[in-house]
Amino acid sequence: MSLTKKYIIKQLIKVLIFLVLFIVLFYVGLMIGYGGIGDGKATEVFGKDVWQFLISILNRN
């Protein structure tokens, strides 16, 4: 494998690791914010009712 292909592969792996960590930390942050700081259970943040409520608040004029 040439040097440039190795470099590109290493950079893609770094980007993928960053994206996975970002997504995991985003979900952990949602759970901490909703369950730890807020009034609900941490796993309820992923429920349909919560997101419908949030969207209805954002769509108010």
PDB file of N, CA and C in Angstrom:
ATOM      1  N   MET A   1       0.847  -1.173   0.000  1.00  0.00           N
ATOM      2  CA  MET A   1       0.000   0.000   0.000  1.00  0.00           C
ATOM      3  C   MET A   1       0.896   1.241   0.000  1.00  0.00           C
ATOM      4  N   SER A   2       0.510   2.220  -0.754  1.00  0.00           N
ATOM      5  CA  SER A   2       1.332   3.424  -0.838  1.00  0.00           C
ATOM      6  C   SER A   2       1.151   4.277   0.416  1.00  0.00           C
ATOM      7  N   LEU A   3       2.036   5.224   0.567  1.00  0.00           N
ATOM      8  CA  LEU A   3       2.048   6.085   1.741  1.00  0.00           C
ATOM      9  C   LEU A   3       0.788   6.952   1.810  1.00  0.00           C
ATOM     10  N   THR A   4       0.320   7.435   0.665  1.00  0.00           N
ATOM     11  CA  THR A   4      -0.861   8.294   0.676  1.00  0.00           C
ATOM     12  C   THR A   4      -2.127   7.513   1.046  1.00  0.00           C
ATOM     13  N   LYS A   5      -2.223   6.263   0.608  1.00  0.00           N
ATOM     14  CA  LYS A   5      -3.384   5.451   0.969  1.00  0.00           C
ATOM     15  C   LYS A   5      -3.397   5.173   2.468  1.00  0.00           C
ATOM     16  N   LYS A   6      -2.230   4.904   3.038  1.00  0.00           N
ATOM     17  CA  LYS A   6      -2.145   4.674   4.481  1.00  0.00           C
ATOM     18  C   LYS A   6      -2.559   5.932   5.237  1.00  0.00           C
ATOM     19  N   TYR A   7      -2.118   7.071   4.754  1.00  0.00           N
ATOM     20  CA  TYR A   7      -2.462   8.334   5.397  1.00  0.00           C
ATOM     21  C   TYR A   7      -3.965   8.587   5.344  1.00  0.00           C
ATOM     22  N   ILE A   8      -4.553   8.339   4.188  1.00  0.00           N
ATOM     23  CA  ILE A   8      -5.997   8.548   4.024  1.00  0.00           C
ATOM     24  C   ILE A   8      -6.781   7.609   4.931  1.00  0.00           C
ATOM     25  N   ILE A   9      -6.362   6.364   5.001  1.00  0.00           N
ATOM     26  CA  ILE A   9      -7.046   5.399   5.860  1.00  0.00           C
ATOM     27  C   ILE A   9      -6.939   5.806   7.326  1.00  0.00           C
ATOM     28  N   LYS A  10      -5.774   6.252   7.756  1.00  0.00           N
ATOM     29  CA  LYS A  10      -5.598   6.708   9.134  1.00  0.00           C
ATOM     30  C   LYS A  10      -6.491   7.906   9.437  1.00  0.00           C
ATOM     31  N   GLN A  11      -6.592   8.820   8.504  1.00  0.00           N
ATOM     32  CA  GLN A  11      -7.435   9.991   8.709  1.00  0.00           C
ATOM     33  C   GLN A  11      -8.915   9.615   8.764  1.00  0.00           C
ATOM     34  N   LEU A  12      -9.337   8.686   7.921  1.00  0.00           N
ATOM     35  CA  LEU A  12     -10.729   8.227   7.943  1.00  0.00           C
ATOM     36  C   LEU A  12     -11.055   7.526   9.255  1.00  0.00           C
ATOM     37  N   ILE A  13     -10.116   6.748   9.761  1.00  0.00           N
ATOM     38  CA  ILE A  13     -10.324   6.079  11.047  1.00  0.00           C
ATOM     39  C   ILE A  13     -10.458   7.111  12.155  1.00  0.00           C
ATOM     40  N   LYS A  14      -9.638   8.149  12.121  1.00  0.00           N
ATOM     41  CA  LYS A  14      -9.739   9.215  13.119  1.00  0.00           C
ATOM     42  C   LYS A  14     -11.090   9.916  13.051  1.00  0.00           C
ATOM     43  N   VAL A  15     -11.573  10.174  11.860  1.00  0.00           N
ATOM     44  CA  VAL A  15     -12.868  10.828  11.685  1.00  0.00           C
ATOM     45  C   VAL A  15     -13.990   9.921  12.192  1.00  0.00           C
ATOM     46  N   LEU A  16     -13.925   8.633  11.890  1.00  0.00           N
ATOM     47  CA  LEU A  16     -14.947   7.702  12.356  1.00  0.00           C
ATOM     48  C   LEU A  16     -14.950   7.587  13.878  1.00  0.00           C
ATOM     49  N   ILE A  17     -13.777   7.534  14.474  1.00  0.00           N
ATOM     50  CA  ILE A  17     -13.686   7.489  15.938  1.00  0.00           C
ATOM     51  C   ILE A  17     -14.287   8.754  16.528  1.00  0.00           C
ATOM     52  N   PHE A  18     -13.982   9.900  15.941  1.00  0.00           N
ATOM     53  CA  PHE A  18     -14.540  11.158  16.421  1.00  0.00           C
ATOM     54  C   PHE A  18     -16.063  11.154  16.335  1.00  0.00           C
ATOM     55  N   LEU A  19     -16.616  10.697  15.222  1.00  0.00           N
ATOM     56  CA  LEU A  19     -18.067  10.675  15.051  1.00  0.00           C
ATOM     57  C   LEU A  19     -18.737   9.735  16.050  1.00  0.00           C
ATOM     58  N   VAL A  20     -18.156   8.571  16.267  1.00  0.00           N
ATOM     59  CA  VAL A  20     -18.721   7.627  17.225  1.00  0.00           C
ATOM     60  C   VAL A  20     -18.687   8.220  18.629  1.00  0.00           C
ATOM     61  N   LEU A  21     -17.556   8.815  19.018  1.00  0.00           N
ATOM     62  CA  LEU A  21     -17.458   9.442  20.336  1.00  0.00           C
ATOM     63  C   LEU A  21     -18.438  10.597  20.479  1.00  0.00           C
ATOM     64  N   PHE A  22     -18.603  11.378  19.421  1.00  0.00           N
ATOM     65  CA  PHE A  22     -19.548  12.489  19.452  1.00  0.00           C
ATOM     66  C   PHE A  22     -20.960  11.990  19.703  1.00  0.00           C
ATOM     67  N   ILE A  23     -21.365  10.956  18.987  1.00  0.00           N
ATOM     68  CA  ILE A  23     -22.718  10.415  19.128  1.00  0.00           C
ATOM     69  C   ILE A  23     -22.921   9.828  20.518  1.00  0.00           C
ATOM     70  N   VAL A  24     -21.953   9.067  21.006  1.00  0.00           N
ATOM     71  CA  VAL A  24     -22.070   8.476  22.344  1.00  0.00           C
ATOM     72  C   VAL A  24     -22.158   9.566  23.406  1.00  0.00           C
ATOM     73  N   LEU A  25     -21.297  10.566  23.322  1.00  0.00           N
ATOM     74  CA  LEU A  25     -21.317  11.636  24.316  1.00  0.00           C
ATOM     75  C   LEU A  25     -22.580  12.489  24.213  1.00  0.00           C
ATOM     76  N   PHE A  26     -23.122  12.636  23.022  1.00  0.00           N
ATOM     77  CA  PHE A  26     -24.378  13.354  22.851  1.00  0.00           C
ATOM     78  C   PHE A  26     -25.508  12.637  23.589  1.00  0.00           C
ATOM     79  N   TYR A  27     -25.597  11.317  23.391  1.00  0.00           N
ATOM     80  CA  TYR A  27     -26.636  10.549  24.065  1.00  0.00           C
ATOM     81  C   TYR A  27     -26.436  10.536  25.575  1.00  0.00           C
ATOM     82  N   VAL A  28     -25.195  10.418  26.023  1.00  0.00           N
ATOM     83  CA  VAL A  28     -24.923  10.462  27.463  1.00  0.00           C
ATOM     84  C   VAL A  28     -25.316  11.829  28.021  1.00  0.00           C
ATOM     85  N   GLY A  29     -25.023  12.888  27.293  1.00  0.00           N
ATOM     86  CA  GLY A  29     -25.408  14.225  27.732  1.00  0.00           C
ATOM     87  C   GLY A  29     -26.908  14.400  27.812  1.00  0.00           C
ATOM     88  N   LEU A  30     -27.631  13.849  26.841  1.00  0.00           N
ATOM     89  CA  LEU A  30     -29.094  13.892  26.898  1.00  0.00           C
ATOM     90  C   LEU A  30     -29.616  13.175  28.134  1.00  0.00           C
ATOM     91  N   MET A  31     -29.039  12.019  28.416  1.00  0.00           N
ATOM     92  CA  MET A  31     -29.488  11.236  29.560  1.00  0.00           C
ATOM     93  C   MET A  31     -29.165  11.933  30.878  1.00  0.00           C
ATOM     94  N   ILE A  32     -28.011  12.532  30.978  1.00  0.00           N
ATOM     95  CA  ILE A  32     -27.638  13.254  32.195  1.00  0.00           C
ATOM     96  C   ILE A  32     -28.521  14.482  32.362  1.00  0.00           C
ATOM     97  N   GLY A  33     -28.743  15.200  31.295  1.00  0.00           N
ATOM     98  CA  GLY A  33     -29.566  16.396  31.369  1.00  0.00           C
ATOM     99  C   GLY A  33     -31.007  16.107  31.726  1.00  0.00           C
ATOM    100  N   TYR A  34     -31.569  15.059  31.149  1.00  0.00           N
ATOM    101  CA  TYR A  34     -32.980  14.752  31.384  1.00  0.00           C
ATOM    102  C   TYR A  34     -33.170  14.001  32.694  1.00  0.00           C
ATOM    103  N   GLY A  35     -32.302  13.057  32.966  1.00  0.00           N
ATOM    104  CA  GLY A  35     -32.470  12.224  34.154  1.00  0.00           C
ATOM    105  C   GLY A  35     -31.787  12.783  35.387  1.00  0.00           C
ATOM    106  N   GLY A  36     -30.588  13.301  35.229  1.00  0.00           N
ATOM    107  CA  GLY A  36     -29.848  13.784  36.382  1.00  0.00           C
ATOM    108  C   GLY A  36     -30.252  15.173  36.811  1.00  0.00           C
ATOM    109  N   ILE A  37     -30.344  16.073  35.869  1.00  0.00           N
ATOM    110  CA  ILE A  37     -30.688  17.457  36.177  1.00  0.00           C
ATOM    111  C   ILE A  37     -32.198  17.662  36.162  1.00  0.00           C
ATOM    112  N   GLY A  38     -32.860  17.012  35.229  1.00  0.00           N
ATOM    113  CA  GLY A  38     -34.312  17.169  35.107  1.00  0.00           C
ATOM    114  C   GLY A  38     -35.075  16.264  36.047  1.00  0.00           C
ATOM    115  N   ASP A  39     -36.358  16.116  35.774  1.00  0.00           N
ATOM    116  CA  ASP A  39     -37.245  15.360  36.665  1.00  0.00           C
ATOM    117  C   ASP A  39     -37.523  13.937  36.194  1.00  0.00           C
ATOM    118  N   GLY A  40     -37.093  13.566  35.003  1.00  0.00           N
ATOM    119  CA  GLY A  40     -37.470  12.258  34.467  1.00  0.00           C
ATOM    120  C   GLY A  40     -36.406  11.206  34.662  1.00  0.00           C
ATOM    121  N   LYS A  41     -36.757  10.001  34.228  1.00  0.00           N
ATOM    122  CA  LYS A  41     -35.777   8.917  34.201  1.00  0.00           C
ATOM    123  C   LYS A  41     -34.856   9.152  33.008  1.00  0.00           C
ATOM    124  N   ALA A  42     -33.618   8.722  33.142  1.00  0.00           N
ATOM    125  CA  ALA A  42     -32.628   8.979  32.096  1.00  0.00           C
ATOM    126  C   ALA A  42     -33.014   8.332  30.765  1.00  0.00           C
ATOM    127  N   THR A  43     -33.607   7.157  30.800  1.00  0.00           N
ATOM    128  CA  THR A  43     -33.936   6.469  29.547  1.00  0.00           C
ATOM    129  C   THR A  43     -35.196   7.008  28.881  1.00  0.00           C
ATOM    130  N   GLU A  44     -35.978   7.809  29.611  1.00  0.00           N
ATOM    131  CA  GLU A  44     -37.199   8.368  29.020  1.00  0.00           C
ATOM    132  C   GLU A  44     -36.915   9.455  27.992  1.00  0.00           C
ATOM    133  N   VAL A  45     -35.698   9.955  27.963  1.00  0.00           N
ATOM    134  CA  VAL A  45     -35.364  11.022  27.021  1.00  0.00           C
ATOM    135  C   VAL A  45     -35.482  10.545  25.571  1.00  0.00           C
ATOM    136  N   PHE A  46     -35.424   9.252  25.353  1.00  0.00           N
ATOM    137  CA  PHE A  46     -35.509   8.722  23.998  1.00  0.00           C
ATOM    138  C   PHE A  46     -36.936   8.369  23.592  1.00  0.00           C
ATOM    139  N   GLY A  47     -37.896   8.639  24.463  1.00  0.00           N
ATOM    140  CA  GLY A  47     -39.297   8.320  24.173  1.00  0.00           C
ATOM    141  C   GLY A  47     -39.922   9.291  23.179  1.00  0.00           C
ATOM    142  N   LYS A  48     -40.898   8.806  22.478  1.00  0.00           N
ATOM    143  CA  LYS A  48     -41.583   9.596  21.449  1.00  0.00           C
ATOM    144  C   LYS A  48     -42.318  10.792  22.052  1.00  0.00           C
ATOM    145  N   ASP A  49     -42.924  10.599  23.225  1.00  0.00           N
ATOM    146  CA  ASP A  49     -43.700  11.674  23.853  1.00  0.00           C
ATOM    147  C   ASP A  49     -42.834  12.881  24.202  1.00  0.00           C
ATOM    148  N   VAL A  50     -41.637  12.627  24.670  1.00  0.00           N
ATOM    149  CA  VAL A  50     -40.738  13.726  25.049  1.00  0.00           C
ATOM    150  C   VAL A  50     -40.399  14.573  23.832  1.00  0.00           C
ATOM    151  N   TRP A  51     -40.079  13.922  22.738  1.00  0.00           N
ATOM    152  CA  TRP A  51     -39.680  14.659  21.537  1.00  0.00           C
ATOM    153  C   TRP A  51     -40.860  15.376  20.890  1.00  0.00           C
ATOM    154  N   GLN A  52     -42.044  14.778  20.952  1.00  0.00           N
ATOM    155  CA  GLN A  52     -43.225  15.470  20.438  1.00  0.00           C
ATOM    156  C   GLN A  52     -43.506  16.719  21.258  1.00  0.00           C
ATOM    157  N   PHE A  53     -43.326  16.633  22.571  1.00  0.00           N
ATOM    158  CA  PHE A  53     -43.515  17.791  23.432  1.00  0.00           C
ATOM    159  C   PHE A  53     -42.507  18.884  23.104  1.00  0.00           C
ATOM    160  N   LEU A  54     -41.240  18.515  22.932  1.00  0.00           N
ATOM    161  CA  LEU A  54     -40.201  19.491  22.611  1.00  0.00           C
ATOM    162  C   LEU A  54     -40.453  20.148  21.256  1.00  0.00           C
ATOM    163  N   ILE A  55     -40.862  19.376  20.282  1.00  0.00           N
ATOM    164  CA  ILE A  55     -41.142  19.924  18.951  1.00  0.00           C
ATOM    165  C   ILE A  55     -42.345  20.852  18.993  1.00  0.00           C
ATOM    166  N   SER A  56     -43.352  20.508  19.793  1.00  0.00           N
ATOM    167  CA  SER A  56     -44.518  21.377  19.904  1.00  0.00           C
ATOM    168  C   SER A  56     -44.137  22.714  20.551  1.00  0.00           C
ATOM    169  N   ILE A  57     -43.217  22.701  21.491  1.00  0.00           N
ATOM    170  CA  ILE A  57     -42.748  23.960  22.098  1.00  0.00           C
ATOM    171  C   ILE A  57     -41.989  24.784  21.060  1.00  0.00           C
ATOM    172  N   LEU A  58     -41.153  24.154  20.277  1.00  0.00           N
ATOM    173  CA  LEU A  58     -40.358  24.875  19.293  1.00  0.00           C
ATOM    174  C   LEU A  58     -41.200  25.431  18.154  1.00  0.00           C
ATOM    175  N   ASN A  59     -42.331  24.804  17.863  1.00  0.00           N
ATOM    176  CA  ASN A  59     -43.175  25.248  16.745  1.00  0.00           C
ATOM    177  C   ASN A  59     -44.180  26.332  17.122  1.00  0.00           C
ATOM    178  N   ARG A  60     -44.242  26.690  18.389  1.00  0.00           N
ATOM    179  CA  ARG A  60     -45.162  27.757  18.796  1.00  0.00           C
ATOM    180  C   ARG A  60     -44.724  29.088  18.223  1.00  0.00           C
ATOM    181  N   ASN A  61     -45.675  29.897  17.856  1.00  0.00           N
ATOM    182  CA  ASN A  61     -45.358  31.235  17.304  1.00  0.00           C
ATOM    183  C   ASN A  61     -45.538  32.297  18.325  1.00  0.00           C
TER     184      ASN A  61
END
